């Protein structure tokens, strides 16, 4: 049952009445500059929102943003009847409702909720954000954009010159204010991304500058985009688990992987994927499956080469609700996998990433140069992904089957670029605005065989992937 919205104060209602009066005026039309600005916003919204999604915009105005979005189902809410009349003409297939966001009362949920340049006009931002839970589901993403306070004097001059559409008296929220209000309303920010150095297209010059210079001068950008997910805790679900174990020349670790991996959730299956070994790994996998009938074990040999190919092959036959990767070298102790399970089962994040760089490790577990490289790549990829990821190269990564299928369906955006498998998942998760959580683990020394990592060759591949990710995620 949808909770009843608390009543607005008399002053709050008067504020909304004044806002509606401004936008109901016949003069309340978007200027050419305002339309150009919104087209630039649309570019970034279309990068965030999949074309298959359903979208609700709070404060949709005349539908200028919605009409250019590639979503399949669109709806808008606004205070102004005059603006909504124009929106219905422009988008006859969409749903439009005249309401205040603070008193939102709809009977459906949406994949994405947009609040574009509207927060500062709200009578009660916290109440508005709280009401958005009534139209959201577990995977709904809230996408906000608002202006940087640095631009306040510039926009005042633009309004005086008539380059900016007239607006009612409004607040001026900082990013700290927005994050605080989101948290008070049980929303968790996933990433905050400044955009738009030039808020006009200017025959393509604006797009060029915003794409290549904006990410390098983020503090100067006009617009701040914020993506958030619901932070309301839900009871832990009893979910099934598939642990995919890529194994190449790991014969001495196969039985230990079976014995040390705990049962999790409603059921746990182990999926061994043998990868062109030169020792007796495949024979050992077959022996261990027969020797342990008490465990649910699937085995296969990967069709191609590389860990990335092995992970995809394993995920293709896995049946669990939650998919885990466990490296067969067991340097990530299998006994720690329940921590990853809890992160997803309790809804604390959408993607659990193992992190080896928090706790002390055995002096032989990781060479010094490897440690330095891991730390450096952690800083670089945190900037690229827009979320803190301390250790991108830990092999243990956990996500739900539903989210993996969405990443796989969206794989064409990045292409087949990753021989490791880690970055295909990380980049895909970032593109879909999944919440990534680092899970610290105790990294151990290998007890059998030698590493399959080649420091210099794979280091060069990682540098290439940094440039690739920057091109696809940052400079867009």
Foldseek 3Di string as FASTA:
>chain_A
DQDFFDDDDPVQVVLLVVQQVLLQDPQQDFDPLRLQLLVVVLVVVQLADDLAWEEEEEQCFLVSNVLSHNHPAYEYEHQYPNRPVNNCVSCVRYHYDYDHLLRDDDDEATQEYEYEQNCFSHSDNLSSLLSNVNRHDQNHKYKYKHWAPVCVVVVVVCVVVVNGGDGDDTHHDHPVRVCVSCVSSQKHWQFKFAFFLPSGCVVPPRLQCRQPPCLVPRNNGTMIMIMIGGRDWDPFAQWEEEEEEEDAQLLVQQLVLVVQADAGGPAYEYEYEYEPHPDCNVVSNVVNCVVCVVHHYHYYYFPDHFQQSSQVVRLVPDDIQKYKYDYSLCLFPSNCVVVVSCCVRGSVFAKEAEDAPPDDADPQLDDPVRNVLQQVVQVLVCSLLRHRDRGLPPRIMMGGSVLVVQLVVVQVLLDDQDRHNSVSVSLSCSSNSTRYDYDYTHGYHGDDDDDPDDVPVVSVSSVVVSVSSCVRRPSD
